[in-house]
């Protein structure tokens, strides 16, 4: 099947820079993709389906060398099984861009 797992959508959230710990993407049963990029300089802890902390998380995203330099780690889901529940972050002075469609 050509283009398996691909789709078209006009539904995309307006990306925003989030600078506090907590939920960055709220639950959406229609979510088809999501991504979070660390645009700060400190490690970022990401948790799927619960409150993130430095001791309870699913992923750690590396920070960049400088503020918003584009070198911070990114995580995304766009193919196969895509998590549709709440996604939260934690860290020292977190700064992320989150996107979902």
N, C-alpha and C. Protein backbone atom coordinates (compact mmCIF):
# COMPACT_ATOMS: atom_id res chain seq x y z
N UNK A 1 0.83 -1.18 0.00
CA UNK A 1 0.00 0.00 0.00
C UNK A 1 0.88 1.24 0.00
N UNK A 2 0.89 1.98 -1.08
CA UNK A 2 1.65 3.24 -1.06
C UNK A 2 1.02 4.23 -0.09
N UNK A 3 1.87 5.02 0.53
CA UNK A 3 1.44 6.07 1.47
C UNK A 3 0.73 5.51 2.70
N UNK A 4 0.99 4.27 3.06
CA UNK A 4 0.38 3.70 4.27
C UNK A 4 0.76 4.54 5.47
N UNK A 5 -0.20 4.83 6.32
CA UNK A 5 0.05 5.62 7.52
C UNK A 5 0.10 7.12 7.28
N UNK A 6 -0.10 7.55 6.05
CA UNK A 6 -0.09 8.98 5.75
C UNK A 6 -1.51 9.50 5.70
N UNK A 7 -1.71 10.75 6.01
CA UNK A 7 -3.02 11.36 5.96
C UNK A 7 -2.85 12.85 5.73
N UNK A 8 -3.95 13.50 5.42
CA UNK A 8 -3.96 14.96 5.27
C UNK A 8 -4.84 15.54 6.36
N UNK A 9 -4.46 16.71 6.85
CA UNK A 9 -5.26 17.36 7.88
C UNK A 9 -5.07 18.87 7.79
N UNK A 10 -6.11 19.58 8.16
CA UNK A 10 -6.02 21.03 8.31
C UNK A 10 -6.06 21.40 9.78
N UNK A 11 -6.22 20.39 10.64
CA UNK A 11 -6.31 20.62 12.08
C UNK A 11 -4.94 20.55 12.71
N UNK A 12 -4.41 21.69 13.11
CA UNK A 12 -3.13 21.76 13.81
C UNK A 12 -3.26 22.85 14.86
N UNK A 13 -2.76 22.56 16.07
CA UNK A 13 -2.80 23.60 17.09
C UNK A 13 -1.83 24.72 16.73
N UNK A 14 -2.02 25.87 17.33
CA UNK A 14 -1.07 26.96 17.17
C UNK A 14 0.07 26.70 18.14
N UNK A 15 1.29 26.46 17.62
CA UNK A 15 2.38 26.16 18.53
C UNK A 15 2.66 27.34 19.46
N UNK A 16 2.95 27.02 20.68
CA UNK A 16 3.24 28.06 21.66
C UNK A 16 4.46 27.64 22.45
N UNK A 17 5.23 28.62 22.87
CA UNK A 17 6.36 28.33 23.74
C UNK A 17 5.83 28.22 25.16
N UNK A 18 6.04 27.06 25.77
CA UNK A 18 5.58 26.80 27.14
C UNK A 18 6.79 26.92 28.05
N UNK A 19 6.66 27.71 29.12
CA UNK A 19 7.80 27.95 30.01
C UNK A 19 7.52 27.56 31.45
N UNK A 20 6.59 26.65 31.65
CA UNK A 20 6.35 26.16 33.01
C UNK A 20 6.01 24.67 32.96
N UNK A 21 6.32 23.99 34.04
CA UNK A 21 6.03 22.57 34.13
C UNK A 21 4.52 22.36 34.14
N UNK A 22 4.10 21.18 33.67
CA UNK A 22 2.69 20.84 33.66
C UNK A 22 2.29 20.23 32.34
N UNK A 23 1.00 20.20 32.08
CA UNK A 23 0.47 19.61 30.85
C UNK A 23 0.73 20.53 29.67
N UNK A 24 1.39 20.01 28.63
CA UNK A 24 1.64 20.80 27.42
C UNK A 24 0.70 20.42 26.28
N UNK A 25 0.21 19.19 26.28
CA UNK A 25 -0.80 18.77 25.31
C UNK A 25 -1.90 18.02 26.07
N UNK A 26 -3.12 18.53 25.98
CA UNK A 26 -4.23 17.88 26.67
C UNK A 26 -4.77 16.74 25.83
N UNK A 27 -5.43 15.83 26.49
CA UNK A 27 -5.99 14.65 25.86
C UNK A 27 -6.86 15.04 24.65
N UNK A 28 -6.68 14.31 23.55
CA UNK A 28 -7.47 14.54 22.34
C UNK A 28 -7.60 13.21 21.60
N UNK A 29 -8.78 12.57 21.67
CA UNK A 29 -8.94 11.27 21.02
C UNK A 29 -8.79 11.32 19.49
N UNK A 30 -8.83 12.51 18.91
CA UNK A 30 -8.68 12.68 17.46
C UNK A 30 -7.24 12.98 17.05
N UNK A 31 -6.32 13.07 18.00
CA UNK A 31 -4.93 13.42 17.70
C UNK A 31 -4.31 12.38 16.77
N UNK A 32 -3.66 12.87 15.70
CA UNK A 32 -2.99 12.00 14.74
C UNK A 32 -1.48 12.13 14.81
N UNK A 33 -0.99 13.28 15.25
CA UNK A 33 0.46 13.50 15.40
C UNK A 33 0.69 14.42 16.60
N UNK A 34 1.89 14.37 17.13
CA UNK A 34 2.30 15.34 18.13
C UNK A 34 3.82 15.41 18.16
N UNK A 35 4.33 16.56 18.61
CA UNK A 35 5.77 16.71 18.79
C UNK A 35 6.04 17.72 19.90
N UNK A 36 7.17 17.53 20.56
CA UNK A 36 7.65 18.47 21.58
C UNK A 36 9.13 18.67 21.33
N UNK A 37 9.56 19.94 21.25
CA UNK A 37 10.98 20.24 21.12
C UNK A 37 11.42 21.07 22.30
N UNK A 38 12.54 20.68 22.89
CA UNK A 38 13.15 21.43 23.97
C UNK A 38 13.90 22.61 23.35
N UNK A 39 13.43 23.84 23.60
CA UNK A 39 14.11 25.03 23.07
C UNK A 39 14.84 25.78 24.18
N UNK A 40 14.92 25.17 25.35
CA UNK A 40 15.69 25.71 26.45
C UNK A 40 17.07 25.07 26.52
N UNK A 41 17.76 25.31 27.60
CA UNK A 41 19.12 24.79 27.74
C UNK A 41 19.24 23.67 28.77
N UNK A 42 18.19 23.40 29.52
CA UNK A 42 18.21 22.36 30.55
C UNK A 42 17.49 21.10 30.07
N UNK A 43 17.83 19.94 30.63
CA UNK A 43 17.12 18.72 30.28
C UNK A 43 15.62 18.86 30.59
N UNK A 44 14.81 18.23 29.78
CA UNK A 44 13.36 18.28 29.92
C UNK A 44 12.83 16.86 30.10
N UNK A 45 11.97 16.68 31.09
CA UNK A 45 11.38 15.38 31.37
C UNK A 45 9.96 15.35 30.82
N UNK A 46 9.64 14.33 30.04
CA UNK A 46 8.34 14.22 29.37
C UNK A 46 7.65 12.95 29.86
N UNK A 47 6.38 13.09 30.23
CA UNK A 47 5.61 11.93 30.67
C UNK A 47 4.29 11.86 29.89
N UNK A 48 3.97 10.67 29.45
CA UNK A 48 2.71 10.41 28.76
C UNK A 48 1.68 9.95 29.79
N UNK A 49 0.55 10.65 29.86
CA UNK A 49 -0.56 10.20 30.69
C UNK A 49 -0.43 10.44 32.17
N UNK A 50 0.37 11.36 32.59
CA UNK A 50 0.51 11.66 34.02
C UNK A 50 1.35 12.89 34.22
N UNK A 51 1.63 13.20 35.47
CA UNK A 51 2.42 14.38 35.81
C UNK A 51 3.90 14.03 35.76
N UNK A 52 4.66 14.73 34.94
CA UNK A 52 6.09 14.48 34.79
C UNK A 52 6.86 15.03 35.99
N UNK A 53 7.97 14.38 36.30
CA UNK A 53 8.92 14.88 37.29
C UNK A 53 10.30 14.34 36.90
N UNK A 54 11.31 14.75 37.63
CA UNK A 54 12.66 14.27 37.32
C UNK A 54 12.86 12.81 37.74
N UNK A 55 11.88 12.24 38.43
CA UNK A 55 11.98 10.84 38.84
C UNK A 55 10.91 9.95 38.20
N UNK A 56 9.89 10.55 37.60
CA UNK A 56 8.82 9.79 36.92
C UNK A 56 8.61 10.42 35.55
N UNK A 57 9.08 9.74 34.51
CA UNK A 57 9.02 10.28 33.16
C UNK A 57 9.18 9.14 32.16
N UNK A 58 8.85 9.42 30.91
CA UNK A 58 9.07 8.45 29.83
C UNK A 58 10.30 8.82 28.98
N UNK A 59 10.56 10.11 28.85
CA UNK A 59 11.66 10.57 28.00
C UNK A 59 12.38 11.74 28.66
N UNK A 60 13.68 11.87 28.37
CA UNK A 60 14.44 13.07 28.71
C UNK A 60 14.90 13.68 27.39
N UNK A 61 14.56 14.96 27.20
CA UNK A 61 14.99 15.67 25.99
C UNK A 61 16.14 16.60 26.35
N UNK A 62 17.25 16.44 25.66
CA UNK A 62 18.44 17.26 25.87
C UNK A 62 18.16 18.71 25.50
N UNK A 63 18.72 19.62 26.28
CA UNK A 63 18.61 21.04 25.98
C UNK A 63 19.63 21.46 24.93
N UNK A 64 19.45 22.65 24.39
CA UNK A 64 20.39 23.19 23.42
C UNK A 64 21.59 23.83 24.11
N UNK A 65 22.54 24.29 23.31
CA UNK A 65 23.72 24.98 23.84
C UNK A 65 23.38 26.39 24.28
N UNK A 66 22.40 26.99 23.60
CA UNK A 66 21.93 28.34 23.91
C UNK A 66 20.43 28.38 23.79
N UNK A 67 19.83 29.42 24.32
CA UNK A 67 18.38 29.56 24.29
C UNK A 67 17.84 29.60 22.86
N UNK A 68 16.90 28.74 22.56
CA UNK A 68 16.22 28.69 21.25
C UNK A 68 17.21 28.59 20.08
N UNK A 69 18.28 27.81 20.25
CA UNK A 69 19.27 27.69 19.18
C UNK A 69 18.96 26.57 18.17
N UNK A 70 17.86 25.83 18.41
CA UNK A 70 17.48 24.75 17.49
C UNK A 70 18.21 23.45 17.73
N UNK A 71 19.05 23.38 18.76
CA UNK A 71 19.83 22.17 19.02
C UNK A 71 19.22 21.27 20.08
N UNK A 72 18.11 21.70 20.70
CA UNK A 72 17.45 20.89 21.72
C UNK A 72 16.76 19.69 21.08
N UNK A 73 16.66 18.62 21.86
CA UNK A 73 16.06 17.38 21.36
C UNK A 73 14.58 17.55 21.07
N UNK A 74 14.08 16.69 20.20
CA UNK A 74 12.67 16.68 19.83
C UNK A 74 12.16 15.25 19.89
N UNK A 75 10.91 15.10 20.27
CA UNK A 75 10.25 13.81 20.25
C UNK A 75 8.93 13.99 19.52
N UNK A 76 8.54 12.98 18.76
CA UNK A 76 7.28 13.07 18.04
C UNK A 76 6.71 11.70 17.77
N UNK A 77 5.43 11.66 17.54
CA UNK A 77 4.73 10.46 17.07
C UNK A 77 3.86 10.89 15.91
N UNK A 78 4.02 10.22 14.77
CA UNK A 78 3.23 10.56 13.60
C UNK A 78 2.80 9.33 12.81
N UNK A 79 3.33 8.18 13.15
CA UNK A 79 3.00 6.94 12.44
C UNK A 79 2.62 5.87 13.44
N UNK A 80 1.85 4.90 12.97
CA UNK A 80 1.49 3.78 13.84
C UNK A 80 0.61 4.23 14.98
N UNK A 81 0.90 3.75 16.17
CA UNK A 81 0.13 4.10 17.36
C UNK A 81 0.59 5.47 17.84
N UNK A 82 -0.36 6.40 17.98
CA UNK A 82 -0.05 7.76 18.44
C UNK A 82 -0.77 7.97 19.76
N UNK A 83 -0.03 8.37 20.79
CA UNK A 83 -0.60 8.60 22.11
C UNK A 83 -1.55 9.78 22.06
N UNK A 84 -2.76 9.62 22.63
CA UNK A 84 -3.78 10.68 22.56
C UNK A 84 -4.12 11.27 23.92
N UNK A 85 -3.49 10.81 25.00
CA UNK A 85 -3.77 11.33 26.33
C UNK A 85 -2.97 12.58 26.64
N UNK A 86 -3.10 13.04 27.89
CA UNK A 86 -2.34 14.21 28.35
C UNK A 86 -0.84 13.93 28.27
N UNK A 87 -0.07 14.96 27.90
CA UNK A 87 1.39 14.87 27.89
C UNK A 87 1.91 16.03 28.73
N UNK A 88 2.75 15.72 29.71
CA UNK A 88 3.25 16.75 30.62
C UNK A 88 4.77 16.81 30.60
N UNK A 89 5.29 17.94 31.10
CA UNK A 89 6.73 18.16 31.15
C UNK A 89 7.14 18.63 32.54
N UNK A 90 8.42 18.46 32.85
CA UNK A 90 9.01 18.98 34.08
C UNK A 90 10.49 19.25 33.80
N UNK A 91 11.08 20.06 34.65
CA UNK A 91 12.50 20.36 34.52
C UNK A 91 12.80 21.71 35.14
N UNK A 92 14.07 22.05 35.17
CA UNK A 92 14.50 23.35 35.67
C UNK A 92 14.32 24.38 34.56
N UNK A 93 13.51 25.37 34.82
CA UNK A 93 13.15 26.41 33.82
C UNK A 93 12.87 25.78 32.45
N UNK A 94 11.84 24.94 32.35
CA UNK A 94 11.52 24.31 31.06
C UNK A 94 11.11 25.34 30.02
N UNK A 95 11.41 25.03 28.77
CA UNK A 95 11.01 25.87 27.65
C UNK A 95 10.86 24.95 26.43
N UNK A 96 9.64 24.79 25.97
CA UNK A 96 9.36 23.86 24.89
C UNK A 96 8.41 24.48 23.87
N UNK A 97 8.43 23.88 22.68
CA UNK A 97 7.39 24.14 21.68
C UNK A 97 6.67 22.82 21.48
N UNK A 98 5.34 22.84 21.62
CA UNK A 98 4.53 21.64 21.45
C UNK A 98 3.56 21.84 20.29
N UNK A 99 3.40 20.76 19.49
CA UNK A 99 2.52 20.81 18.32
C UNK A 99 1.72 19.52 18.26
N UNK A 100 0.47 19.64 17.83
CA UNK A 100 -0.36 18.44 17.64
C UNK A 100 -1.33 18.69 16.49
N UNK A 101 -1.71 17.60 15.85
CA UNK A 101 -2.75 17.69 14.82
C UNK A 101 -3.58 16.44 14.86
